Amino acid sequence: MSSPSQAIRLMRMTDCHLSNTYRWLHDSAELRRQVDSLEAPTQEGNQAYWHANWQDSRREDYAIVRAADNSHIGNCGLGDIALRRRKAQLWIYLGDSYGKGTGTSAVGQLLIRAFDGLNLDRVYLRVIASNPRALRFYQKLGFVEEGRFRHDTHFNGQSIDSVCMSILKQEYRKDPEGGVF
């Protein structure tokens, strides 16, 4: 699912990716806040969560790996895939690699999968409003803010809004190397 020039590639998540996934979410309260996870997972809970997800035909969950050494550096995917309605929800988080174009490349590959592979028309996502870095990141990639879910979640006793963003098939552009720009 990547071109030779990509620094990363996406591969379907399997049990071999669960230890890193558990470690990232267990060890980082900041990552849990960004992805709206209310508490640190247990190893058993993490495994049960992913095994249940992998049984859902409306999901595609991927590990993000460095092409050079196959190291697992994050996870991403498409959820709530509705082929007849031609839409899906995108999600991503990085565990070990920030600011190196990893997220941009992974989202680009997911959009190619969504728009070219699954022939979807709309990809949407939800971002915690208190995460301005993520909001800027998605705007840079062409996602448009559609609205706000007021008091969508709670963190440290505070209500937090979420922002709904989307990109349509005709709005995304890919470069000849398979990425988006």
C-alpha atoms as a PDB file:
ATOM      1  CA  MET A   1       0.000   0.000   0.000  1.00  0.00           C
ATOM      2  CA  SER A   2       2.854   2.408  -0.565  1.00  0.00           C
ATOM      3  CA  SER A   3       5.075   3.522  -3.372  1.00  0.00           C
ATOM      4  CA  PRO A   4       8.815   2.851  -3.325  1.00  0.00           C
ATOM      5  CA  SER A   5       9.554   6.496  -2.511  1.00  0.00           C
ATOM      6  CA  GLN A   6       7.521   6.454   0.725  1.00  0.00           C
ATOM      7  CA  ALA A   7       9.388   6.462   4.025  1.00  0.00           C
ATOM      8  CA  ILE A   8       6.571   4.413   5.560  1.00  0.00           C
ATOM      9  CA  ARG A   9       4.135   1.747   4.531  1.00  0.00           C
ATOM     10  CA  LEU A  10       0.832   0.551   5.922  1.00  0.00           C
ATOM     11  CA  MET A  11       0.230  -3.077   6.772  1.00  0.00           C
ATOM     12  CA  ARG A  12      -2.810  -4.712   8.312  1.00  0.00           C
ATOM     13  CA  MET A  13      -2.538  -4.778  12.086  1.00  0.00           C
ATOM     14  CA  THR A  14      -1.914  -8.156  13.684  1.00  0.00           C
ATOM     15  CA  ASP A  15      -1.020  -9.474  17.121  1.00  0.00           C
ATOM     16  CA  CYS A  16       2.622  -8.541  16.536  1.00  0.00           C
ATOM     17  CA  HIS A  17       1.623  -4.838  16.706  1.00  0.00           C
ATOM     18  CA  LEU A  18      -0.249  -5.057  19.999  1.00  0.00           C
ATOM     19  CA  SER A  19       2.693  -4.677  22.388  1.00  0.00           C
ATOM     20  CA  ASN A  20       3.710  -1.298  20.914  1.00  0.00           C
ATOM     21  CA  THR A  21       0.081  -0.190  20.732  1.00  0.00           C
ATOM     22  CA  TYR A  22      -0.422  -1.085  24.384  1.00  0.00           C
ATOM     23  CA  ARG A  23       2.825   0.629  25.429  1.00  0.00           C
ATOM     24  CA  TRP A  24       2.021   3.878  23.608  1.00  0.00           C
ATOM     25  CA  LEU A  25      -1.448   4.217  25.074  1.00  0.00           C
ATOM     26  CA  HIS A  26      -0.521   2.932  28.517  1.00  0.00           C
ATOM     27  CA  ASP A  27       2.543   5.154  28.941  1.00  0.00           C
ATOM     28  CA  SER A  28       1.304   8.432  27.449  1.00  0.00           C
ATOM     29  CA  ALA A  29      -1.543  10.329  29.075  1.00  0.00           C
ATOM     30  CA  GLU A  30      -1.059  12.992  26.389  1.00  0.00           C
ATOM     31  CA  LEU A  31      -1.615  10.478  23.578  1.00  0.00           C
ATOM     32  CA  ARG A  32      -4.690   9.113  25.368  1.00  0.00           C
ATOM     33  CA  ARG A  33      -6.055  12.664  25.640  1.00  0.00           C
ATOM     34  CA  GLN A  34      -5.426  13.318  21.936  1.00  0.00           C
ATOM     35  CA  VAL A  35      -7.206  10.160  20.824  1.00  0.00           C
ATOM     36  CA  ASP A  36      -9.955  10.497  23.433  1.00  0.00           C
ATOM     37  CA  SER A  37      -9.078   7.370  25.376  1.00  0.00           C
ATOM     38  CA  LEU A  38     -10.526   7.782  28.864  1.00  0.00           C
ATOM     39  CA  GLU A  39      -8.045   5.558  30.653  1.00  0.00           C
ATOM     40  CA  ALA A  40      -4.861   3.578  30.187  1.00  0.00           C
ATOM     41  CA  PRO A  41      -5.593   0.144  28.740  1.00  0.00           C
ATOM     42  CA  THR A  42      -4.691  -3.156  30.300  1.00  0.00           C
ATOM     43  CA  GLN A  43      -2.848  -5.628  28.095  1.00  0.00           C
ATOM     44  CA  GLU A  44      -5.868  -7.924  28.106  1.00  0.00           C
ATOM     45  CA  GLY A  45      -8.257  -5.068  27.361  1.00  0.00           C
ATOM     46  CA  ASN A  46      -6.046  -3.803  24.534  1.00  0.00           C
ATOM     47  CA  GLN A  47      -5.920  -7.256  22.955  1.00  0.00           C
ATOM     48  CA  ALA A  48      -9.682  -7.769  23.299  1.00  0.00           C
ATOM     49  CA  TYR A  49     -10.378  -4.314  21.816  1.00  0.00           C
ATOM     50  CA  TRP A  50      -8.274  -4.947  18.708  1.00  0.00           C
ATOM     51  CA  HIS A  51      -9.450  -8.512  18.202  1.00  0.00           C
ATOM     52  CA  ALA A  52     -13.066  -7.273  18.250  1.00  0.00           C
ATOM     53  CA  ASN A  53     -12.196  -4.480  15.784  1.00  0.00           C
ATOM     54  CA  TRP A  54     -10.549  -6.920  13.391  1.00  0.00           C
ATOM     55  CA  GLN A  55     -13.796  -8.889  13.218  1.00  0.00           C
ATOM     56  CA  ASP A  56     -15.729  -5.799  12.074  1.00  0.00           C
ATOM     57  CA  SER A  57     -16.058  -5.821   8.269  1.00  0.00           C
ATOM     58  CA  ARG A  58     -16.635  -2.059   8.338  1.00  0.00           C
ATOM     59  CA  ARG A  59     -13.067  -1.388   9.530  1.00  0.00           C
ATOM     60  CA  GLU A  60      -9.573  -1.502   8.093  1.00  0.00           C
ATOM     61  CA  ASP A  61      -6.879  -1.121  10.760  1.00  0.00           C
ATOM     62  CA  TYR A  62      -3.258  -0.620   9.772  1.00  0.00           C
ATOM     63  CA  ALA A  63       0.114  -0.512  11.475  1.00  0.00           C
ATOM     64  CA  ILE A  64       2.371   2.265  10.240  1.00  0.00           C
ATOM     65  CA  VAL A  65       5.865   0.858   9.715  1.00  0.00           C
ATOM     66  CA  ARG A  66       9.119   2.400   8.526  1.00  0.00           C
ATOM     67  CA  ALA A  67       9.892   0.952   5.114  1.00  0.00           C
ATOM     68  CA  ALA A  68      13.624   0.830   5.815  1.00  0.00           C
ATOM     69  CA  ASP A  69      13.528  -1.386   8.913  1.00  0.00           C
ATOM     70  CA  ASN A  70       9.887  -2.455   9.392  1.00  0.00           C
ATOM     71  CA  SER A  71       9.735  -0.775  12.822  1.00  0.00           C
ATOM     72  CA  HIS A  72       6.190  -0.171  14.021  1.00  0.00           C
ATOM     73  CA  ILE A  73       5.730   3.568  14.685  1.00  0.00           C
ATOM     74  CA  GLY A  74       1.963   4.150  14.746  1.00  0.00           C
ATOM     75  CA  ASN A  75      -1.511   2.983  13.794  1.00  0.00           C
ATOM     76  CA  CYS A  76      -4.213   4.286  11.509  1.00  0.00           C
ATOM     77  CA  GLY A  77      -7.239   3.152   9.630  1.00  0.00           C
ATOM     78  CA  LEU A  78     -10.703   3.607   8.291  1.00  0.00           C
ATOM     79  CA  GLY A  79     -13.750   2.871  10.406  1.00  0.00           C
ATOM     80  CA  ASP A  80     -17.481   2.962   9.852  1.00  0.00           C
ATOM     81  CA  ILE A  81     -16.855   2.143   6.186  1.00  0.00           C
ATOM     82  CA  ALA A  82     -20.191   2.505   4.411  1.00  0.00           C
ATOM     83  CA  LEU A  83     -19.686   1.420   0.808  1.00  0.00           C
ATOM     84  CA  ARG A  84     -23.257   2.164  -0.279  1.00  0.00           C
ATOM     85  CA  ARG A  85     -23.112   5.614   1.305  1.00  0.00           C
ATOM     86  CA  ARG A  86     -19.520   6.001   0.024  1.00  0.00           C
ATOM     87  CA  LYS A  87     -17.978   7.295   3.246  1.00  0.00           C
ATOM     88  CA  ALA A  88     -15.687   6.282   6.107  1.00  0.00           C
ATOM     89  CA  GLN A  89     -14.122   7.718   9.232  1.00  0.00           C
ATOM     90  CA  LEU A  90     -10.330   8.123   9.307  1.00  0.00           C
ATOM     91  CA  TRP A  91      -8.231   7.733  12.464  1.00  0.00           C
ATOM     92  CA  ILE A  92      -4.499   7.879  13.160  1.00  0.00           C
ATOM     93  CA  TYR A  93      -2.012   8.126  15.985  1.00  0.00           C
ATOM     94  CA  LEU A  94       1.739   7.963  16.081  1.00  0.00           C
ATOM     95  CA  GLY A  95       3.626   6.345  18.900  1.00  0.00           C
ATOM     96  CA  ASP A  96       7.262   6.937  18.037  1.00  0.00           C
ATOM     97  CA  SER A  97       7.595   9.385  15.151  1.00  0.00           C
ATOM     98  CA  TYR A  98       6.423  13.001  15.027  1.00  0.00           C
ATOM     99  CA  GLY A  99       7.236  15.869  12.693  1.00  0.00           C
ATOM    100  CA  LYS A 100       8.917  13.740  10.043  1.00  0.00           C
ATOM    101  CA  GLY A 101       6.111  13.539   7.487  1.00  0.00           C
ATOM    102  CA  THR A 102       4.984  10.171   8.816  1.00  0.00           C
ATOM    103  CA  GLY A 103       1.422  11.283   9.524  1.00  0.00           C
ATOM    104  CA  THR A 104       1.137  13.065   6.181  1.00  0.00           C
ATOM    105  CA  SER A 105       2.283   9.973   4.317  1.00  0.00           C
ATOM    106  CA  ALA A 106       0.021   7.632   6.302  1.00  0.00           C
ATOM    107  CA  VAL A 107      -3.065   9.819   5.804  1.00  0.00           C
ATOM    108  CA  GLY A 108      -2.202  10.149   2.118  1.00  0.00           C
ATOM    109  CA  GLN A 109      -2.082   6.377   1.775  1.00  0.00           C
ATOM    110  CA  LEU A 110      -5.398   6.027   3.630  1.00  0.00           C
ATOM    111  CA  LEU A 111      -7.031   8.584   1.318  1.00  0.00           C
ATOM    112  CA  ILE A 112      -5.780   6.705  -1.728  1.00  0.00           C
ATOM    113  CA  ARG A 113      -7.248   3.513  -0.262  1.00  0.00           C
ATOM    114  CA  ALA A 114     -10.536   5.261   0.515  1.00  0.00           C
ATOM    115  CA  PHE A 115     -11.011   7.173  -2.729  1.00  0.00           C
ATOM    116  CA  ASP A 116      -9.299   4.933  -5.283  1.00  0.00           C
ATOM    117  CA  GLY A 117      -9.492   1.508  -3.637  1.00  0.00           C
ATOM    118  CA  LEU A 118     -12.930   1.655  -2.028  1.00  0.00           C
ATOM    119  CA  ASN A 119     -14.402   4.324  -4.350  1.00  0.00           C
ATOM    120  CA  LEU A 120     -15.619   6.423  -1.432  1.00  0.00           C
ATOM    121  CA  ASP A 121     -16.760  10.014  -1.891  1.00  0.00           C
ATOM    122  CA  ARG A 122     -16.215  11.353   1.648  1.00  0.00           C
ATOM    123  CA  VAL A 123     -13.729  10.719   4.444  1.00  0.00           C
ATOM    124  CA  TYR A 124     -14.427  12.338   7.786  1.00  0.00           C
ATOM    125  CA  LEU A 125     -12.826  12.455  11.194  1.00  0.00           C
ATOM    126  CA  ARG A 126     -13.294  13.803  14.682  1.00  0.00           C
ATOM    127  CA  VAL A 127     -10.621  15.860  16.452  1.00  0.00           C
ATOM    128  CA  ILE A 128     -10.615  16.920  20.081  1.00  0.00           C
ATOM    129  CA  ALA A 129     -10.991  20.721  19.933  1.00  0.00           C
ATOM    130  CA  SER A 130      -8.212  21.132  22.507  1.00  0.00           C
ATOM    131  CA  ASN A 131      -5.708  19.628  20.028  1.00  0.00           C
ATOM    132  CA  PRO A 132      -4.783  22.578  17.771  1.00  0.00           C
ATOM    133  CA  ARG A 133      -1.791  20.719  16.335  1.00  0.00           C
ATOM    134  CA  ALA A 134      -4.082  18.021  14.916  1.00  0.00           C
ATOM    135  CA  LEU A 135      -6.554  20.605  13.600  1.00  0.00           C
ATOM    136  CA  ARG A 136      -3.753  22.399  11.701  1.00  0.00           C
ATOM    137  CA  PHE A 137      -2.409  19.081  10.421  1.00  0.00           C
ATOM    138  CA  TYR A 138      -5.745  18.026   8.911  1.00  0.00           C
ATOM    139  CA  GLN A 139      -6.417  21.486   7.469  1.00  0.00           C
ATOM    140  CA  LYS A 140      -3.005  21.372   5.770  1.00  0.00           C
ATOM    141  CA  LEU A 141      -4.040  18.093   4.139  1.00  0.00           C
ATOM    142  CA  GLY A 142      -7.257  19.596   2.791  1.00  0.00           C
ATOM    143  CA  PHE A 143      -9.783  18.555   5.432  1.00  0.00           C
ATOM    144  CA  VAL A 144     -12.530  21.116   6.010  1.00  0.00           C
ATOM    145  CA  GLU A 145     -14.203  21.823   9.331  1.00  0.00           C
ATOM    146  CA  GLU A 146     -17.879  20.857   9.155  1.00  0.00           C
ATOM    147  CA  GLY A 147     -19.034  21.469  12.665  1.00  0.00           C
ATOM    148  CA  ARG A 148     -18.566  20.982  16.352  1.00  0.00           C
ATOM    149  CA  PHE A 149     -19.810  18.341  18.763  1.00  0.00           C
ATOM    150  CA  ARG A 150     -20.337  20.299  21.952  1.00  0.00           C
ATOM    151  CA  HIS A 151     -19.258  18.662  25.217  1.00  0.00           C
ATOM    152  CA  ASP A 152     -18.376  15.573  23.193  1.00  0.00           C
ATOM    153  CA  THR A 153     -16.011  14.139  25.781  1.00  0.00           C
ATOM    154  CA  HIS A 154     -14.597  14.812  29.220  1.00  0.00           C
ATOM    155  CA  PHE A 155     -11.020  15.043  30.431  1.00  0.00           C
ATOM    156  CA  ASN A 156      -9.827  15.907  33.936  1.00  0.00           C
ATOM    157  CA  GLY A 157     -13.342  16.922  34.903  1.00  0.00           C
ATOM    158  CA  GLN A 158     -13.756  19.320  31.980  1.00  0.00           C
ATOM    159  CA  SER A 159     -16.121  19.071  29.040  1.00  0.00           C
ATOM    160  CA  ILE A 160     -14.316  19.201  25.709  1.00  0.00           C
ATOM    161  CA  ASP A 161     -15.777  19.820  22.271  1.00  0.00           C
ATOM    162  CA  SER A 162     -14.781  17.837  19.199  1.00  0.00           C
ATOM    163  CA  VAL A 163     -14.473  19.185  15.681  1.00  0.00           C
ATOM    164  CA  CYS A 164     -15.851  17.230  12.727  1.00  0.00           C
ATOM    165  CA  MET A 165     -13.744  17.563   9.567  1.00  0.00           C
ATOM    166  CA  SER A 166     -13.979  15.935   6.151  1.00  0.00           C
ATOM    167  CA  ILE A 167     -12.438  15.773   2.732  1.00  0.00           C
ATOM    168  CA  LEU A 168     -14.296  14.862  -0.453  1.00  0.00           C
ATOM    169  CA  LYS A 169     -12.922  12.822  -3.313  1.00  0.00           C
ATOM    170  CA  GLN A 170     -12.866  15.819  -5.654  1.00  0.00           C
ATOM    171  CA  GLU A 171     -10.953  17.886  -3.053  1.00  0.00           C
ATOM    172  CA  TYR A 172      -7.977  15.614  -2.560  1.00  0.00           C
ATOM    173  CA  ARG A 173      -5.088  15.533  -4.951  1.00  0.00           C
ATOM    174  CA  LYS A 174      -2.371  12.960  -5.136  1.00  0.00           C
ATOM    175  CA  ASP A 175       1.071  13.349  -6.583  1.00  0.00           C
ATOM    176  CA  PRO A 176       2.519  10.899  -9.125  1.00  0.00           C
ATOM    177  CA  GLU A 177       4.493   9.148  -6.364  1.00  0.00           C
ATOM    178  CA  GLY A 178       1.279   8.155  -4.572  1.00  0.00           C
ATOM    179  CA  GLY A 179       1.183  10.742  -1.821  1.00  0.00           C
ATOM    180  CA  VAL A 180      -1.158  13.668  -1.348  1.00  0.00           C
ATOM    181  CA  PHE A 181      -0.310  17.336  -1.550  1.00  0.00           C
END
